[in-house]
Each structure stands twice: as C-alpha cells, then as structure tokens.
C-alpha cells in the first residue's frame, strides 16, 4: 500500500498545523462529507491556503545506486552507497527498492536512516523478501509523496500532492486535501463541469485543461465559476487517491 488509512483517533485537527510529526506521512483521512486528506509536511517554503502543491523533486543521489552489502531474506535494513550526501531520515516514510538484478521488483517502506553517503543503513518497515547481492543489485529511493511538498510551479517537476486548507509554515505538518470540494486559485476562464489542470502561467493555480496543449494533468472539475485570480470551487481529484 502507498498510504495508510485510519478511521479515527487522529492526533491533529484538519485545520491545524504542527511543528512535530503526529501521524505517519501519507496517512489518509476521509471526512463524513467525502473530502479526503493526506498527512503531509511543507518543504523549505511556506504554503498558502488554497494553492495547489506538488511533491518534492526526486534526488539524483538516490537513482540506481550501489548496494554496499548483501541483504539476506529477513534483513531489516539495506546498506546503500548514495550518489551524494543524504540528511538523516530524508527518506523516512518513503520508498526504497532494488531496480536491477537480484531482488528487483520488490518495494519497501523506509523506517529511517542516519546521515551519510557511503554504506548508509536504511532501515525498513518490513523485512527483505528476496535476497540482494552487493555490487550487483542497484538501489533507488524516493521520498514520501507528501513529504516536503511545495507550491506547484508553472512547469511540474513532480506529481501533484494536493491543496492545503490553511496556511502552512516551513517544515510544518498538515493535512493536504486530495479529493472532494476544495477552493483553489483560478487562472484564466473556466466553465462548470470542465476539467482543470495545474496552471502553466500562475504557480499554485488551476486552469482549464486543454489536452496536448497544457500540462495534461487533470486535478478535478469545476463546481462553480469564478474569475481569473479569484478562488473557485473545484471537485478535487488528485491522481492516486
């Protein structure tokens, strides 16, 4: 599963932010009215209410890297030599996987890891299912989709993450809306029932989706018409939720 689903006992209110992590990143929360949220963390820039966000940009330091030590079935960590320095727990709640040779095709959640570059022990939330061979198996890792999110730029550099229902401070945790009625900044002219995409002219806004001429990423449909630069109601539907 790419995300956790809870049905109650949430530690953080939908409209609150927190300087400390209170839920697992990516945890899904569905309200009685059908709106759906994913637990997220803002990146190095504060987020605005009702502006579309995207995931953090994938690091080139964790793409087809070296497995520094063989990992047997049942192992609880992978020893990886990255292409550059990684900070502690950068991939926590994210994903790591062998992309070539023994063990390929199996995906693992990251529990945590220390800072470093060479032979970094990346601890797993589940044990290794297929043995991997040092020097042969290559490893890639990626952050959780909802970790270190940023306002959608005018050209997407990662997948769409959602719309914050409030302002969010740098590195604070919050609930990012991914489905259901949501307000969002409008760019250009939109029409009732029309699909919208991330704007290629205004960061964080949505615009009418014109296939093959815009970003071609549907994020929902228009519920009420509002003028450009205003905030309109869309039926949000972020892919993957």
Protein backbone atom coordinates (compact mmCIF):
# COMPACT_ATOMS: atom_id res chain seq x y z
CA UNK A 1 0.00 0.00 0.00
CA UNK A 2 1.23 3.51 -0.80
CA UNK A 3 -0.60 5.10 2.08
CA UNK A 4 -2.16 4.31 5.47
CA UNK A 5 -5.91 4.60 6.11
CA UNK A 6 -7.14 5.46 9.59
CA UNK A 7 -10.77 5.63 10.65
CA UNK A 8 -10.43 7.58 13.89
CA UNK A 9 -8.29 8.74 16.81
CA UNK A 10 -6.44 11.34 14.76
CA UNK A 11 -3.86 13.35 16.67
CA UNK A 12 -4.12 16.52 14.58
CA UNK A 13 -7.14 18.59 13.55
CA UNK A 14 -7.79 19.12 9.82
CA UNK A 15 -7.25 22.88 10.09
CA UNK A 16 -4.22 22.78 12.42
CA UNK A 17 -0.51 22.63 11.68
CA UNK A 18 2.18 21.07 13.86
CA UNK A 19 5.93 21.55 14.26
CA UNK A 20 6.22 17.86 15.22
CA UNK A 21 5.02 14.82 13.29
CA UNK A 22 1.80 13.40 14.78
CA UNK A 23 0.77 10.93 12.06
CA UNK A 24 2.57 8.76 9.52
CA UNK A 25 3.21 10.74 6.34
CA UNK A 26 0.68 9.85 3.68
CA UNK A 27 -1.97 8.72 6.18
CA UNK A 28 -5.42 9.11 4.60
CA UNK A 29 -8.29 10.82 6.41
CA UNK A 30 -11.83 10.80 4.98
CA UNK A 31 -14.42 13.20 6.40
CA UNK A 32 -18.13 12.46 6.64
CA UNK A 33 -18.76 14.84 3.73
CA UNK A 34 -16.45 12.81 1.48
CA UNK A 35 -13.49 15.18 1.44
CA UNK A 36 -10.20 13.28 1.65
CA UNK A 37 -6.89 14.45 3.09
CA UNK A 38 -3.34 13.07 3.24
CA UNK A 39 -0.96 13.86 6.10
CA UNK A 40 1.88 15.98 4.73
CA UNK A 41 4.86 18.18 5.55
CA UNK A 42 5.69 21.52 3.95
CA UNK A 43 9.12 22.00 2.44
CA UNK A 44 11.55 24.91 2.65
CA UNK A 45 8.95 27.49 1.59
CA UNK A 46 5.72 28.29 3.47
CA UNK A 47 2.48 27.22 1.77
CA UNK A 48 -0.57 29.34 1.05
CA UNK A 49 -4.16 28.28 1.64
CA UNK A 50 -5.98 27.03 -1.48
CA UNK A 51 -2.93 26.85 -3.74
CA UNK A 52 -2.09 23.57 -5.44
CA UNK A 53 1.03 21.74 -4.24
CA UNK A 54 3.35 19.14 -5.71
CA UNK A 55 5.68 16.55 -4.22
CA UNK A 56 9.36 17.32 -3.62
CA UNK A 57 11.70 16.88 -6.58
CA UNK A 58 13.32 13.44 -6.69
CA UNK A 59 17.02 13.48 -5.78
CA UNK A 60 19.58 12.33 -8.33
CA UNK A 61 21.62 10.98 -5.39
CA UNK A 62 19.28 8.01 -4.99
CA UNK A 63 18.82 6.72 -8.52
CA UNK A 64 20.42 3.37 -9.40
CA UNK A 65 22.90 3.49 -6.53
CA UNK A 66 25.22 0.81 -5.15
CA UNK A 67 24.12 -1.83 -2.66
CA UNK A 68 27.14 -1.80 -0.33
CA UNK A 69 26.43 -5.11 1.45
CA UNK A 70 24.38 -8.14 0.51
CA UNK A 71 20.95 -8.39 2.15
CA UNK A 72 19.51 -11.78 3.06
CA UNK A 73 15.83 -12.65 3.28
CA UNK A 74 14.57 -11.28 6.59
CA UNK A 75 17.12 -8.44 6.77
CA UNK A 76 15.77 -5.27 8.34
CA UNK A 77 17.95 -2.75 6.51
CA UNK A 78 19.74 -2.12 3.23
CA UNK A 79 23.29 -0.75 3.19
CA UNK A 80 23.42 1.80 0.37
CA UNK A 81 26.16 3.99 -1.06
CA UNK A 82 24.35 7.04 -2.38
CA UNK A 83 25.45 9.33 -5.20
CA UNK A 84 25.84 12.18 -2.70
CA UNK A 85 25.27 13.03 0.95
CA UNK A 86 21.81 12.45 2.40
CA UNK A 87 20.48 14.02 5.58
CA UNK A 88 19.17 11.85 8.41
CA UNK A 89 15.70 10.39 7.78
CA UNK A 90 15.38 12.17 4.43
CA UNK A 91 13.58 9.08 3.06
CA UNK A 92 11.62 8.25 6.23
CA UNK A 93 8.07 7.08 5.35
CA UNK A 94 9.19 6.98 1.72
CA UNK A 95 10.20 4.12 -0.55
CA UNK A 96 13.33 2.15 -1.42
CA UNK A 97 13.66 -0.59 -3.99
CA UNK A 98 16.13 -2.70 -5.96
CA UNK A 99 15.79 -1.54 -9.57
CA UNK A 100 18.14 -4.04 -11.18
CA UNK A 101 19.49 -7.56 -10.58
CA UNK A 102 18.65 -9.77 -7.59
CA UNK A 103 15.59 -8.65 -5.62
CA UNK A 104 14.34 -6.34 -8.36
CA UNK A 105 10.61 -5.65 -8.47
CA UNK A 106 10.13 -5.60 -4.69
CA UNK A 107 9.18 -2.32 -2.99
CA UNK A 108 9.89 -1.44 0.67
CA UNK A 109 8.83 1.37 3.04
CA UNK A 110 11.60 3.27 4.79
CA UNK A 111 11.61 3.34 8.60
CA UNK A 112 14.57 5.72 8.87
CA UNK A 113 18.30 6.14 8.37
CA UNK A 114 21.33 8.12 9.54
CA UNK A 115 23.02 10.90 7.58
CA UNK A 116 25.85 9.96 5.26
CA UNK A 117 26.92 8.86 1.80
CA UNK A 118 28.78 5.56 1.95
CA UNK A 119 27.19 2.34 3.27
CA UNK A 120 24.24 4.14 4.86
CA UNK A 121 21.97 1.71 6.67
CA UNK A 122 18.43 2.36 5.51
CA UNK A 123 16.06 0.61 7.93
CA UNK A 124 12.87 -0.94 6.56
CA UNK A 125 9.31 -1.14 7.87
CA UNK A 126 9.14 -4.72 6.61
CA UNK A 127 11.87 -7.36 6.19
CA UNK A 128 13.58 -8.13 2.90
CA UNK A 129 11.56 -10.66 0.87
CA UNK A 130 14.12 -11.60 -1.78
CA UNK A 131 17.88 -11.61 -1.17
CA UNK A 132 20.02 -8.91 -2.79
CA UNK A 133 23.68 -9.06 -3.80
CA UNK A 134 26.27 -6.39 -3.05
CA UNK A 135 27.88 -4.91 -6.15
CA UNK A 136 25.21 -6.38 -8.43
CA UNK A 137 21.86 -5.11 -7.17
CA UNK A 138 21.30 -1.40 -7.70
CA UNK A 139 19.04 0.63 -5.40
CA UNK A 140 16.77 3.66 -5.79
CA UNK A 141 14.89 5.61 -3.13
CA UNK A 142 12.25 8.33 -3.15
CA UNK A 143 10.62 10.50 -0.51
CA UNK A 144 7.03 10.03 0.55
CA UNK A 145 4.73 11.79 -1.90
CA UNK A 146 3.50 14.08 0.90
CA UNK A 147 6.91 14.95 2.35
CA UNK A 148 8.44 18.40 1.81
CA UNK A 149 5.70 19.49 -0.58
CA UNK A 150 5.89 22.82 -2.40
CA UNK A 151 3.58 25.12 -4.34
CA UNK A 152 3.10 23.77 -7.88
CA UNK A 153 5.45 25.62 -10.22
CA UNK A 154 4.25 26.61 -13.69
CA UNK A 155 6.02 23.51 -15.03
CA UNK A 156 5.52 20.44 -12.84
CA UNK A 157 8.71 18.79 -11.59
CA UNK A 158 6.96 16.07 -9.56
CA UNK A 159 3.44 14.69 -9.07
CA UNK A 160 0.59 16.84 -7.75
CA UNK A 161 0.22 16.44 -3.96
CA UNK A 162 -2.97 18.33 -3.01
CA UNK A 163 -4.37 21.62 -1.74
CA UNK A 164 -3.70 22.91 1.80
CA UNK A 165 -6.88 24.02 3.64
CA UNK A 166 -4.83 26.60 5.58
CA UNK A 167 -1.51 28.48 5.51
CA UNK A 168 1.41 26.22 6.49
CA UNK A 169 4.77 27.27 7.91
CA UNK A 170 8.11 25.94 6.65
CA UNK A 171 8.63 22.27 7.64
CA UNK A 172 5.30 22.08 9.49
CA UNK A 173 2.96 19.09 9.26
CA UNK A 174 -0.60 19.48 7.97
CA UNK A 175 -3.50 17.74 6.21
CA UNK A 176 -3.26 18.17 2.42
CA UNK A 177 -6.63 17.80 0.66
CA UNK A 178 -6.59 15.32 -2.23
CA UNK A 179 -10.28 14.69 -3.05
CA UNK A 180 -13.66 16.40 -2.81
CA UNK A 181 -14.88 20.01 -2.93
CA UNK A 182 -11.92 22.37 -2.47
CA UNK A 183 -11.18 26.01 -3.14
CA UNK A 184 -8.25 26.79 -5.42
CA UNK A 185 -6.75 29.83 -7.12
CA UNK A 186 -8.10 30.17 -10.68
CA UNK A 187 -6.04 31.20 -13.70
CA UNK A 188 -7.94 32.15 -16.85
CA UNK A 189 -11.50 31.24 -17.84
CA UNK A 190 -13.13 28.05 -16.59
CA UNK A 191 -16.59 26.53 -17.05
CA UNK A 192 -18.91 24.36 -14.95
CA UNK A 193 -18.00 20.69 -15.22
CA UNK A 194 -14.78 21.42 -17.08
CA UNK A 195 -11.57 19.61 -16.17
CA UNK A 196 -8.79 21.70 -14.70
CA UNK A 197 -5.01 21.24 -14.63
CA UNK A 198 -2.10 22.90 -12.83
CA UNK A 199 -1.64 26.33 -14.38
CA UNK A 200 1.33 26.90 -16.67
CA UNK A 201 1.11 30.63 -16.05
CA UNK A 202 0.45 31.11 -12.30
CA UNK A 203 2.14 28.99 -9.63
CA UNK A 204 -0.35 27.17 -7.38
CA UNK A 205 -3.36 27.93 -9.59
CA UNK A 206 -5.51 25.72 -11.81
CA UNK A 207 -6.62 26.46 -15.37
CA UNK A 208 -8.88 24.88 -17.98
CA UNK A 209 -7.42 21.60 -19.19
CA UNK A 210 -6.81 21.58 -22.94
CA UNK A 211 -5.36 18.19 -23.82
CA UNK A 212 -1.97 18.22 -25.53
CA UNK A 213 -1.50 21.97 -25.00
CA UNK A 214 -1.35 22.28 -21.19
CA UNK A 215 0.31 20.13 -18.55
CA UNK A 216 -2.20 17.35 -19.31
CA UNK A 217 -2.64 16.51 -15.62
CA UNK A 218 -6.28 16.51 -14.55
CA UNK A 219 -6.73 17.57 -10.93
CA UNK A 220 -10.53 17.88 -10.83
CA UNK A 221 -13.60 19.52 -12.32
CA UNK A 222 -15.15 22.96 -11.87
CA UNK A 223 -18.09 23.17 -9.44
CA UNK A 224 -18.60 26.95 -9.55
CA UNK A 225 -17.29 29.55 -11.99
CA UNK A 226 -15.03 32.27 -10.62
CA UNK A 227 -12.94 34.81 -12.48
CA UNK A 228 -9.20 34.58 -13.01
CA UNK A 229 -7.13 35.48 -9.90
CA UNK A 230 -10.11 34.57 -7.69
CA UNK A 231 -10.63 31.39 -5.68
CA UNK A 232 -13.11 28.94 -7.21
CA UNK A 233 -14.64 25.68 -6.06
CA UNK A 234 -13.45 22.52 -7.78
CA UNK A 235 -14.20 18.87 -7.19
CA UNK A 236 -10.61 17.90 -6.46
CA UNK A 237 -9.38 14.51 -7.64
CA UNK A 238 -5.62 14.13 -7.28
CA UNK A 239 -4.42 11.08 -9.19
CA UNK A 240 -3.60 8.11 -6.97
CA UNK A 241 -6.16 8.84 -4.22
